[in-house]
Protein backbone atom coordinates (compact mmCIF):
# COMPACT_ATOMS: atom_id res chain seq x y z
CA MET A 1 0.00 0.00 0.00
CA ARG A 2 1.67 3.21 -1.18
CA HIS A 3 0.31 5.33 1.67
CA ALA A 4 0.91 2.80 4.44
CA GLU A 5 3.20 4.89 6.64
CA GLU A 6 0.88 7.90 6.66
CA VAL A 7 -1.05 6.26 9.51
CA THR A 8 -0.62 7.78 12.99
CA PHE A 9 2.42 6.25 14.77
CA GLY A 10 3.47 5.10 11.27
CA GLY A 11 7.07 6.12 11.78
CA SER A 12 9.15 9.22 11.20
CA GLY A 13 12.60 7.84 10.47
CA LEU A 14 13.74 8.41 14.05
CA ASP A 15 17.39 7.49 14.59
CA ARG A 16 16.98 5.09 17.49
CA ALA A 17 20.78 4.82 17.87
CA ALA A 18 20.64 1.26 19.19
CA GLU A 19 24.43 1.08 19.07
CA LEU A 20 24.60 3.56 21.99
CA ARG A 21 22.24 1.78 24.37
CA GLY A 22 24.92 -0.42 25.92
CA ASP A 23 27.66 2.23 25.82
CA ILE A 24 27.68 3.46 29.42
CA PRO A 25 30.23 6.30 28.91
CA ALA A 26 28.31 7.54 25.87
CA MET A 27 25.03 7.48 27.79
CA ALA A 28 26.59 9.36 30.68
CA ALA A 29 27.90 12.03 28.29
CA LEU A 30 24.49 12.40 26.64
CA MET A 31 22.85 12.78 30.03
CA GLN A 32 25.17 15.72 30.70
CA ALA A 33 24.90 17.33 27.26
CA GLU A 34 23.10 20.69 27.13
CA SER A 35 21.41 19.72 23.87
CA SER A 36 19.78 16.57 25.29
CA ARG A 37 16.05 16.67 25.89
CA THR A 38 13.46 14.41 27.48
CA LEU A 39 9.75 13.68 27.30
CA ALA A 40 7.85 13.43 30.57
CA LEU A 41 5.07 10.88 31.06
CA TRP A 42 2.75 10.41 33.99
CA ARG A 43 0.87 7.09 34.11
CA GLY A 44 1.01 6.87 30.35
CA LYS A 45 0.03 10.48 29.73
CA LEU A 46 2.35 12.81 27.83
CA LEU A 47 3.36 16.28 29.04
CA VAL A 48 2.27 18.80 26.39
CA ALA A 49 2.14 22.58 26.15
CA GLY A 50 -0.11 25.26 24.67
CA GLU A 51 -3.28 25.12 22.65
CA ALA A 52 -1.47 23.05 20.00
CA ALA A 53 -0.67 20.42 22.67
CA GLU A 54 2.92 20.02 21.51
CA PRO A 55 4.94 17.47 23.51
CA CYS A 56 7.35 19.19 25.87
CA ARG A 57 11.02 18.52 25.20
CA LEU A 58 12.46 19.33 28.61
CA PRO A 59 16.11 19.92 29.53
CA LEU A 60 17.39 17.16 31.75
CA ASP A 61 17.76 19.51 34.72
CA HIS A 62 14.09 20.56 34.70
CA PRO A 63 12.73 20.54 38.29
CA VAL A 64 9.72 18.36 37.44
CA LEU A 65 12.10 15.46 36.72
CA ARG A 66 12.81 15.19 40.44
CA GLU A 67 9.57 13.20 40.57
CA ALA A 68 11.20 10.38 38.55
CA ARG A 69 12.00 7.26 40.58
CA ALA A 70 14.07 5.52 37.90
CA ALA A 71 16.64 6.33 35.24
CA PRO A 72 15.24 7.66 31.97
CA LEU A 73 14.83 5.64 28.80
CA PHE A 74 16.93 6.50 25.76
CA LEU A 75 14.66 6.94 22.73
CA GLY A 76 17.19 8.00 20.12
CA ARG A 77 18.64 11.07 18.43
CA GLU A 78 17.16 14.05 16.61
CA GLY A 79 20.11 15.31 14.64
CA LYS A 80 22.91 15.31 17.19
CA ALA A 81 20.62 15.81 20.18
CA ALA A 82 19.66 12.84 22.34
CA ILE A 83 16.02 12.28 23.29
CA PHE A 84 15.12 10.56 26.56
CA ALA A 85 11.87 9.85 28.42
CA HIS A 86 11.21 10.11 32.16
CA ASP A 87 8.41 8.36 34.03
CA LEU A 88 6.83 10.56 36.71
CA SER A 89 4.09 8.12 37.69
CA ALA A 90 5.04 8.24 41.38
CA TRP A 91 3.74 11.82 41.59
CA GLU A 92 0.32 12.11 43.24
CA PRO A 93 -1.65 15.12 41.99
CA GLU A 94 -4.27 16.69 44.21
CA ALA A 95 -6.97 15.57 41.76
CA ALA A 96 -6.04 12.93 39.21
CA GLY A 97 -9.39 13.02 37.42
CA ASP A 98 -11.70 10.14 36.62
CA ALA A 99 -9.31 8.02 34.55
CA GLU A 100 -11.49 4.93 34.69
CA GLY A 101 -14.88 6.47 34.08
CA GLY A 102 -15.31 6.23 30.34
CA PHE A 103 -14.20 5.07 26.94
CA LEU A 104 -11.36 7.61 26.89
CA ASP A 105 -9.73 9.51 29.74
CA GLN A 106 -9.96 13.20 28.86
CA SER A 107 -8.82 14.51 32.24
CA GLU A 108 -5.61 16.57 32.39
CA GLN A 109 -3.12 16.99 35.23
CA HIS A 110 -0.87 19.98 35.94
CA HIS A 111 2.33 19.70 37.96
CA PRO A 112 3.26 22.81 40.00
CA ALA A 113 6.86 22.69 38.69
CA CYS A 114 5.62 23.09 35.10
CA ALA A 115 4.49 26.18 33.22
CA PRO A 116 0.78 27.09 33.50
CA ASP A 117 -0.02 25.82 29.98
CA GLU A 118 1.80 22.51 30.45
CA ARG A 119 -0.26 19.47 31.43
CA PHE A 120 -0.35 15.69 31.15
CA VAL A 121 -2.74 14.48 28.43
CA GLU A 122 -3.87 11.02 27.32
CA LEU A 123 -1.97 10.13 24.14
CA ARG A 124 -5.09 8.85 22.36
CA THR A 125 -6.67 12.32 22.51
CA LEU A 126 -3.73 13.67 20.50
CA LEU A 127 -3.85 11.21 17.59
CA THR A 128 -4.72 13.76 14.91
CA ARG A 129 -2.56 16.55 16.33
CA LEU A 130 0.87 14.96 16.71
CA THR A 131 3.59 15.27 14.08
CA PRO A 132 4.97 11.93 12.83
CA ARG A 133 8.09 12.42 14.96
CA ASP A 134 6.19 13.32 18.12
CA ALA A 135 3.84 10.39 17.54
CA GLU A 136 6.72 7.93 17.20
CA LEU A 137 8.48 9.26 20.29
CA GLY A 138 5.29 9.28 22.37
CA ALA A 139 4.27 5.78 21.30
CA THR A 140 7.75 4.39 21.96
CA ALA A 141 8.00 5.94 25.41
CA ARG A 142 4.53 4.85 26.47
CA ALA A 143 5.04 1.29 25.26
CA LEU A 144 8.42 0.94 26.98
CA PHE A 145 7.22 2.33 30.29
CA GLY A 146 4.21 0.04 30.15
CA TRP A 147 6.45 -2.96 29.57
CA HIS A 148 8.72 -2.11 32.50
CA ALA A 149 5.70 -1.59 34.77
CA SER A 150 4.39 -5.10 34.07
CA HIS A 151 7.65 -7.03 33.66
CA GLY A 152 9.65 -6.25 36.76
CA PHE A 153 10.15 -9.91 37.59
CA CYS A 154 11.86 -12.68 35.68
CA ALA A 155 9.45 -14.92 33.77
CA ARG A 156 11.86 -17.86 34.21
CA CYS A 157 12.59 -17.86 37.96
CA GLY A 158 10.45 -15.08 39.45
CA ALA A 159 13.30 -12.94 40.82
CA ALA A 160 13.26 -9.16 40.44
CA SER A 161 15.03 -8.14 37.22
CA ASP A 162 17.26 -5.13 36.52
CA VAL A 163 17.07 -2.56 33.72
CA PHE A 164 19.86 -2.58 31.13
CA MET A 165 20.59 -1.15 27.70
CA ALA A 166 19.19 2.32 28.52
CA GLY A 167 15.76 0.82 29.14
CA TRP A 168 15.61 -1.63 26.23
CA GLN A 169 16.39 -4.79 28.17
CA ARG A 170 15.91 -6.39 31.59
CA ILE A 171 18.29 -9.00 32.99
CA CYS A 172 17.62 -11.34 35.88
CA PRO A 173 20.53 -11.27 38.38
CA SER A 174 19.43 -14.63 39.75
CA CYS A 175 19.31 -16.87 36.66
CA GLY A 176 20.81 -14.58 34.00
CA ALA A 177 17.71 -14.60 31.73
CA GLN A 178 17.46 -11.67 29.33
CA HIS A 179 14.10 -10.07 28.64
CA PHE A 180 13.20 -7.63 25.86
CA PRO A 181 10.21 -5.33 25.29
CA ARG A 182 7.28 -7.29 23.89
CA THR A 183 4.85 -6.37 21.15
CA ASP A 184 1.62 -8.30 20.65
CA PRO A 185 0.57 -8.74 16.98
CA VAL A 186 -3.09 -7.91 16.30
CA VAL A 187 -4.78 -8.28 12.92
CA ILE A 188 -7.35 -5.62 12.06
CA MET A 189 -9.38 -6.37 8.98
CA LEU A 190 -11.09 -4.39 6.28
CA ILE A 191 -13.48 -7.11 5.08
CA THR A 192 -15.34 -6.32 1.87
CA ARG A 193 -17.95 -8.00 -0.28
CA GLY A 194 -18.78 -6.14 -3.46
CA ASN A 195 -19.76 -2.57 -2.54
CA ALA A 196 -19.94 -3.14 1.22
CA CYS A 197 -17.57 -3.55 4.16
CA LEU A 198 -18.06 -5.43 7.40
CA LEU A 199 -18.07 -3.33 10.58
CA GLY A 200 -18.62 -4.30 14.19
CA ARG A 201 -18.83 -2.76 17.65
CA SER A 202 -17.52 -4.02 20.97
CA HIS A 203 -19.31 -3.96 24.30
CA GLY A 204 -18.88 -0.65 26.10
CA TRP A 205 -18.12 1.47 23.05
CA PRO A 206 -19.81 4.86 22.64
CA GLU A 207 -23.30 4.56 21.16
CA GLY A 208 -23.22 4.12 17.39
CA MET A 209 -19.45 3.65 17.10
CA TYR A 210 -18.38 0.99 14.59
CA SER A 211 -14.96 -0.17 13.45
CA CYS A 212 -13.15 -2.92 11.60
CA LEU A 213 -13.02 -6.31 13.30
CA ALA A 214 -9.74 -7.16 15.01
CA GLY A 215 -8.09 -9.83 17.15
CA PHE A 216 -4.80 -11.16 18.48
CA VAL A 217 -2.66 -13.48 16.39
CA GLU A 218 -2.32 -16.87 18.08
CA PRO A 219 0.90 -18.91 18.40
CA GLY A 220 1.72 -20.90 15.26
CA GLU A 221 -0.68 -18.85 13.14
CA THR A 222 -0.10 -16.83 9.98
CA LEU A 223 -1.60 -13.37 9.60
CA GLU A 224 -3.90 -14.64 6.87
CA ALA A 225 -5.16 -17.47 9.07
CA ALA A 226 -5.68 -15.09 11.97
CA VAL A 227 -7.80 -12.80 9.79
CA ARG A 228 -10.03 -15.67 8.65
CA ARG A 229 -10.35 -17.16 12.15
CA GLU A 230 -11.12 -13.88 13.93
CA VAL A 231 -13.71 -12.75 11.39
CA PHE A 232 -15.49 -16.10 11.51
CA GLU A 233 -15.36 -16.29 15.32
CA GLU A 234 -16.81 -12.80 15.75
CA SER A 235 -19.26 -12.54 12.86
CA GLY A 236 -19.70 -15.97 11.27
CA VAL A 237 -18.52 -14.58 7.91
CA ARG A 238 -16.14 -16.72 5.84
CA VAL A 239 -13.12 -14.94 4.32
CA GLY A 240 -11.10 -16.01 1.29
CA ALA A 241 -8.22 -13.98 -0.14
CA VAL A 242 -6.28 -11.87 2.40
CA ARG A 243 -3.54 -9.31 1.78
CA TYR A 244 -1.48 -7.03 3.99
CA LEU A 245 -2.07 -3.26 3.79
CA ALA A 246 -0.38 -1.32 6.61
CA SER A 247 0.58 -1.47 10.28
CA GLN A 248 0.30 0.81 13.30
CA PRO A 249 2.06 0.59 16.66
CA TRP A 250 -0.65 0.86 19.30
CA PRO A 251 0.94 1.29 22.75
CA PHE A 252 -2.26 0.74 24.74
CA PRO A 253 -0.52 -1.19 26.12
CA ALA A 254 1.70 -3.07 23.65
CA SER A 255 0.11 -3.99 20.34
CA LEU A 256 1.14 -3.82 16.71
CA MET A 257 -2.03 -3.43 14.64
CA ILE A 258 -1.55 -5.25 11.32
CA GLY A 259 -4.03 -3.93 8.79
CA CYS A 260 -5.27 -6.44 6.20
CA HIS A 261 -7.86 -6.55 3.44
CA GLY A 262 -9.98 -9.68 3.23
CA GLU A 263 -12.56 -10.69 0.64
CA ALA A 264 -15.67 -12.21 2.16
CA GLU A 265 -16.95 -15.46 0.70
CA SER A 266 -20.23 -15.40 2.63
CA GLU A 267 -22.64 -12.67 3.67
CA ARG A 268 -24.76 -14.06 6.49
CA ILE A 269 -23.80 -12.61 9.89
CA GLU A 270 -24.05 -14.62 13.09
CA ILE A 271 -22.16 -12.86 15.88
CA ASP A 272 -20.65 -14.37 18.98
CA PRO A 273 -22.10 -12.12 21.73
CA GLY A 274 -19.15 -12.96 23.93
CA GLU A 275 -16.84 -11.41 21.33
CA ILE A 276 -18.74 -8.39 19.99
CA GLU A 277 -22.05 -6.62 20.47
CA GLU A 278 -23.04 -6.23 16.81
CA ALA A 279 -21.78 -6.55 13.23
CA ARG A 280 -23.27 -5.21 10.00
CA TRP A 281 -22.55 -4.68 6.34
CA VAL A 282 -22.17 -1.01 5.41
CA SER A 283 -22.22 0.19 1.81
CA ARG A 284 -19.69 2.67 0.44
CA GLU A 285 -22.44 5.28 0.22
CA GLU A 286 -23.51 4.73 3.85
CA LEU A 287 -19.90 4.84 5.03
CA ALA A 288 -19.20 8.07 3.13
CA GLU A 289 -22.30 9.63 4.69
CA SER A 290 -21.28 8.43 8.15
CA PHE A 291 -17.86 10.07 7.75
CA ALA A 292 -19.72 13.27 6.89
CA GLY A 293 -21.84 12.90 10.05
CA ALA A 294 -25.05 12.29 8.13
CA VAL A 295 -25.77 8.82 9.55
CA PRO A 296 -26.23 9.24 13.33
CA GLU A 297 -26.54 5.50 13.96
CA ILE A 298 -23.09 4.81 12.45
CA LYS A 299 -20.12 6.65 13.92
CA PRO A 300 -16.86 5.56 12.25
CA ALA A 301 -13.71 4.57 14.11
CA ARG A 302 -11.86 7.42 15.78
CA LYS A 303 -9.60 9.60 13.66
CA GLY A 304 -5.97 8.59 13.94
CA SER A 305 -6.70 4.89 14.34
CA ILE A 306 -5.66 2.42 11.66
CA ALA A 307 -9.32 1.40 11.24
CA HIS A 308 -10.23 4.97 10.29
CA PHE A 309 -7.19 5.06 7.97
CA LEU A 310 -8.16 1.82 6.20
CA LEU A 311 -11.78 2.83 5.75
CA ARG A 312 -10.84 6.27 4.43
CA ASN A 313 -8.49 4.75 1.89
CA TRP A 314 -11.08 2.18 0.82
CA LEU A 315 -13.56 4.99 0.16
CA ALA A 316 -10.91 6.84 -1.84
CA ASP A 317 -9.96 3.66 -3.76
CA ARG A 318 -6.38 3.93 -2.49
CA LEU A 319 -5.77 0.43 -1.14
CA ALA A 320 -3.30 -0.45 -3.92
């Protein structure tokens, strides 16, 4: 697909400088360099500034970084300047907001050591506003911090593990096992039959919201097989030919969304209510009207998601 990397989090050519991660003197020098900058995250939220919500690139001596309880992660280089990320999740704001109360946390938190227009914002609310570089940096930092938060102990022997390679590895001091950041492959499918596409909605989604079907790839399974299995399990629709279109890192918490196009061989829908709430065929004309807001009962996938990207490109006949 010619436009594959235009998707949010699609990549910006960031120099990740992997050769420096294990170079302790080089890391120490970068930590002292005046040109080095860092992103600040609080419980997965990114520190941004101004009405444009641009991610803050803080100097490494910024007072808010005193809230960090661990060494920063090394994300890479922008030109000659190093970019790090600090986790400030130990900070307890006076009012954290209702982070669990809805489909998307839209609360914002302000730290007293930051400027008045600087606040922590949920990354998913910024999908259509981030530059490709800011999106890649934000997604990388959030995914890495999420991995460290849930993988502090060795999966082999259960002992506490230590951080190495500037945040890109954990090593168990007890049994010597090495652990690396994980990414879970998820297929997300644009399933078509003639002039219609198959859309579904999960339990708990906002009223009227529909998206492409999706599911995790199982061990020993090809992407094509995963597409056919997931679509049949969720909707009862049989799928024939499958082809890859595009991918999107989705650090909520650690997925790689693998966008595929599948051609349906059957039309009858029989959902598994344990998997999804509803599925339906939507014509090109209906979908175009829903994107324009003219079909209240069908709200398309959120802007910035790979589902929205795939559907937009299908409407524009740009899947080739």
